Amino acid sequence: MADDKTPEDFYVYLVSLNFSVSRGNTVDGKAFFIVADYEVMYGQNHGKKIEIAFPIPLDYPTTAPYGMHIKLPHNLTGNITSVGSSPLGPNWQFWSRKVNSWNVGNRNARVYLEYVNRWLEAI
């Protein structure tokens, strides 16, 4: 898969996976794409569904997405760390996570969602 070109490419990828995606407000230079029923793929929370928002920088894919926002209350259990407040409001948590290898040729939604799935598996 080639690099995405714009945040819209990220949105189109989510839709291609049959997610029902809504667009949140643009906050702090990031477009937010929200999936209401994101299923955790791996780990102790496998099969659980959460509401998740993906913060996509407006200059994406030049700048990698950073972390994710999870709506409260969620049903996830485990060692949840590096969590803070979210600009999406008090019903959301920002989970601080970093994409470590955002290399040309792999700067796309598929790679970012692989990170998200691993972050969720690791709790």
C-alpha atoms as a PDB file:
ATOM      1  CA  MET A   1       0.000   0.000   0.000  1.00  0.00           C
ATOM      2  CA  ALA A   2       1.325   3.448  -0.868  1.00  0.00           C
ATOM      3  CA  ASP A   3       1.392   6.515   1.324  1.00  0.00           C
ATOM      4  CA  ASP A   4      -1.885   8.316   1.879  1.00  0.00           C
ATOM      5  CA  LYS A   5      -2.072  11.825   0.440  1.00  0.00           C
ATOM      6  CA  THR A   6      -4.489  13.636   2.762  1.00  0.00           C
ATOM      7  CA  PRO A   7      -6.591  13.137   5.900  1.00  0.00           C
ATOM      8  CA  GLU A   8      -9.470  12.365   3.529  1.00  0.00           C
ATOM      9  CA  ASP A   9      -7.591   9.220   2.457  1.00  0.00           C
ATOM     10  CA  PHE A  10      -7.667   8.107   6.088  1.00  0.00           C
ATOM     11  CA  TYR A  11     -11.435   8.657   6.207  1.00  0.00           C
ATOM     12  CA  VAL A  12     -11.949   6.725   2.965  1.00  0.00           C
ATOM     13  CA  TYR A  13      -9.917   3.814   4.342  1.00  0.00           C
ATOM     14  CA  LEU A  14     -12.081   3.630   7.479  1.00  0.00           C
ATOM     15  CA  VAL A  15     -15.219   3.618   5.333  1.00  0.00           C
ATOM     16  CA  SER A  16     -13.727   0.866   3.134  1.00  0.00           C
ATOM     17  CA  LEU A  17     -13.498  -1.286   6.290  1.00  0.00           C
ATOM     18  CA  ASN A  18     -17.261  -0.817   6.751  1.00  0.00           C
ATOM     19  CA  PHE A  19     -16.900   1.397   9.816  1.00  0.00           C
ATOM     20  CA  SER A  20     -19.584   3.966  10.411  1.00  0.00           C
ATOM     21  CA  VAL A  21     -17.390   7.051  10.644  1.00  0.00           C
ATOM     22  CA  SER A  22     -18.335  10.526  11.775  1.00  0.00           C
ATOM     23  CA  ARG A  23     -16.207  13.604  11.502  1.00  0.00           C
ATOM     24  CA  GLY A  24     -15.486  15.446  14.707  1.00  0.00           C
ATOM     25  CA  ASN A  25     -14.333  19.023  14.950  1.00  0.00           C
ATOM     26  CA  THR A  26     -10.858  20.035  13.902  1.00  0.00           C
ATOM     27  CA  VAL A  27      -8.936  20.766  17.108  1.00  0.00           C
ATOM     28  CA  ASP A  28      -5.293  21.763  17.585  1.00  0.00           C
ATOM     29  CA  GLY A  29      -4.437  21.114  13.932  1.00  0.00           C
ATOM     30  CA  LYS A  30      -6.010  17.664  13.876  1.00  0.00           C
ATOM     31  CA  ALA A  31      -9.082  16.301  12.145  1.00  0.00           C
ATOM     32  CA  PHE A  32     -10.931  13.777  14.300  1.00  0.00           C
ATOM     33  CA  PHE A  33     -12.564  10.726  12.755  1.00  0.00           C
ATOM     34  CA  ILE A  34     -14.822   8.881  15.180  1.00  0.00           C
ATOM     35  CA  VAL A  35     -15.846   5.211  15.007  1.00  0.00           C
ATOM     36  CA  ALA A  36     -18.665   4.297  17.416  1.00  0.00           C
ATOM     37  CA  ASP A  37     -18.211   0.510  17.405  1.00  0.00           C
ATOM     38  CA  TYR A  38     -14.497  -0.165  17.032  1.00  0.00           C
ATOM     39  CA  GLU A  39     -13.802  -3.776  17.940  1.00  0.00           C
ATOM     40  CA  VAL A  40     -10.653  -4.604  19.877  1.00  0.00           C
ATOM     41  CA  MET A  41      -8.868  -7.192  17.775  1.00  0.00           C
ATOM     42  CA  TYR A  42      -6.423  -8.828  20.203  1.00  0.00           C
ATOM     43  CA  GLY A  43      -5.549  -9.400  23.831  1.00  0.00           C
ATOM     44  CA  GLN A  44      -7.608  -9.616  26.988  1.00  0.00           C
ATOM     45  CA  ASN A  45     -10.165  -7.144  25.616  1.00  0.00           C
ATOM     46  CA  HIS A  46     -10.613  -9.033  22.327  1.00  0.00           C
ATOM     47  CA  GLY A  47     -14.108  -8.607  20.920  1.00  0.00           C
ATOM     48  CA  LYS A  48     -15.042  -5.612  23.074  1.00  0.00           C
ATOM     49  CA  LYS A  49     -16.376  -2.576  21.260  1.00  0.00           C
ATOM     50  CA  ILE A  50     -15.375   0.972  22.090  1.00  0.00           C
ATOM     51  CA  GLU A  51     -15.967   4.435  20.709  1.00  0.00           C
ATOM     52  CA  ILE A  52     -12.649   5.712  19.427  1.00  0.00           C
ATOM     53  CA  ALA A  53     -11.506   8.930  17.781  1.00  0.00           C
ATOM     54  CA  PHE A  54      -8.466   9.056  15.553  1.00  0.00           C
ATOM     55  CA  PRO A  55      -6.574  12.399  15.640  1.00  0.00           C
ATOM     56  CA  ILE A  56      -5.239  12.910  12.132  1.00  0.00           C
ATOM     57  CA  PRO A  57      -2.867  15.876  11.635  1.00  0.00           C
ATOM     58  CA  LEU A  58      -3.943  18.276   8.906  1.00  0.00           C
ATOM     59  CA  ASP A  59      -0.556  17.778   7.204  1.00  0.00           C
ATOM     60  CA  TYR A  60      -1.032  13.975   7.287  1.00  0.00           C
ATOM     61  CA  PRO A  61       0.780  11.869   6.207  1.00  0.00           C
ATOM     62  CA  THR A  62       3.838  14.122   6.599  1.00  0.00           C
ATOM     63  CA  THR A  63       3.163  14.112  10.336  1.00  0.00           C
ATOM     64  CA  ALA A  64       2.218  10.765  11.847  1.00  0.00           C
ATOM     65  CA  PRO A  65      -0.979  10.423  13.887  1.00  0.00           C
ATOM     66  CA  TYR A  66      -0.263  10.399  17.603  1.00  0.00           C
ATOM     67  CA  GLY A  67      -2.275   8.370  20.076  1.00  0.00           C
ATOM     68  CA  MET A  68      -6.025   7.924  20.120  1.00  0.00           C
ATOM     69  CA  HIS A  69      -9.033   9.176  22.042  1.00  0.00           C
ATOM     70  CA  ILE A  70     -11.362   6.732  23.797  1.00  0.00           C
ATOM     71  CA  LYS A  71     -14.880   7.672  24.891  1.00  0.00           C
ATOM     72  CA  LEU A  72     -15.914   7.075  28.492  1.00  0.00           C
ATOM     73  CA  PRO A  73     -17.196   4.949  29.939  1.00  0.00           C
ATOM     74  CA  HIS A  74     -15.367   2.167  28.160  1.00  0.00           C
ATOM     75  CA  ASN A  75     -15.351  -1.497  29.044  1.00  0.00           C
ATOM     76  CA  LEU A  76     -11.614  -2.057  28.694  1.00  0.00           C
ATOM     77  CA  THR A  77      -9.664  -3.701  31.484  1.00  0.00           C
ATOM     78  CA  GLY A  78      -5.956  -3.981  32.097  1.00  0.00           C
ATOM     79  CA  ASN A  79      -2.997  -1.723  32.727  1.00  0.00           C
ATOM     80  CA  ILE A  80      -4.180   1.488  31.064  1.00  0.00           C
ATOM     81  CA  THR A  81      -1.378   4.061  31.254  1.00  0.00           C
ATOM     82  CA  SER A  82      -0.378   7.366  29.651  1.00  0.00           C
ATOM     83  CA  VAL A  83      -3.933   8.665  29.658  1.00  0.00           C
ATOM     84  CA  GLY A  84      -4.916  12.323  29.831  1.00  0.00           C
ATOM     85  CA  SER A  85      -7.692  14.762  29.111  1.00  0.00           C
ATOM     86  CA  SER A  86      -9.004  15.106  25.585  1.00  0.00           C
ATOM     87  CA  PRO A  87      -9.963  18.228  23.653  1.00  0.00           C
ATOM     88  CA  LEU A  88     -13.077  16.285  22.616  1.00  0.00           C
ATOM     89  CA  GLY A  89     -14.552  16.890  26.058  1.00  0.00           C
ATOM     90  CA  PRO A  90     -14.840  15.395  29.544  1.00  0.00           C
ATOM     91  CA  ASN A  91     -16.360  12.145  28.237  1.00  0.00           C
ATOM     92  CA  TRP A  92     -13.167  11.351  26.333  1.00  0.00           C
ATOM     93  CA  GLN A  93      -9.631  10.281  27.297  1.00  0.00           C
ATOM     94  CA  PHE A  94      -6.515  10.894  25.235  1.00  0.00           C
ATOM     95  CA  TRP A  95      -4.261   7.844  25.181  1.00  0.00           C
ATOM     96  CA  SER A  96      -0.744   9.055  24.471  1.00  0.00           C
ATOM     97  CA  ARG A  97       0.989   6.665  22.102  1.00  0.00           C
ATOM     98  CA  LYS A  98       3.648   7.158  19.430  1.00  0.00           C
ATOM     99  CA  VAL A  99       4.019   5.650  15.974  1.00  0.00           C
ATOM    100  CA  ASN A 100       7.699   4.682  15.905  1.00  0.00           C
ATOM    101  CA  SER A 101       8.338   3.971  12.225  1.00  0.00           C
ATOM    102  CA  TRP A 102       6.412   6.334   9.990  1.00  0.00           C
ATOM    103  CA  ASN A 103       8.483   5.721   6.881  1.00  0.00           C
ATOM    104  CA  VAL A 104       7.872   6.756   3.289  1.00  0.00           C
ATOM    105  CA  GLY A 105       5.915   3.981   1.597  1.00  0.00           C
ATOM    106  CA  ASN A 106       4.198   3.021   4.856  1.00  0.00           C
ATOM    107  CA  ARG A 107       2.577   6.290   5.889  1.00  0.00           C
ATOM    108  CA  ASN A 108      -1.052   5.276   5.615  1.00  0.00           C
ATOM    109  CA  ALA A 109      -4.192   4.377   7.519  1.00  0.00           C
ATOM    110  CA  ARG A 110      -3.508   0.640   7.465  1.00  0.00           C
ATOM    111  CA  VAL A 111      -0.172   1.081   9.257  1.00  0.00           C
ATOM    112  CA  TYR A 112      -1.649   3.472  11.832  1.00  0.00           C
ATOM    113  CA  LEU A 113      -4.551   1.103  12.601  1.00  0.00           C
ATOM    114  CA  GLU A 114      -2.041  -1.738  13.071  1.00  0.00           C
ATOM    115  CA  TYR A 115      -0.433   0.418  15.775  1.00  0.00           C
ATOM    116  CA  VAL A 116      -3.816   1.163  17.343  1.00  0.00           C
ATOM    117  CA  ASN A 117      -4.621  -2.548  17.471  1.00  0.00           C
ATOM    118  CA  ARG A 118      -1.271  -3.321  19.117  1.00  0.00           C
ATOM    119  CA  TRP A 119      -1.729  -0.486  21.651  1.00  0.00           C
ATOM    120  CA  LEU A 120      -5.140  -1.872  22.582  1.00  0.00           C
ATOM    121  CA  GLU A 121      -3.740  -5.403  22.804  1.00  0.00           C
ATOM    122  CA  ALA A 122      -0.993  -4.275  25.165  1.00  0.00           C
ATOM    123  CA  ILE A 123      -3.267  -3.031  27.969  1.00  0.00           C
END
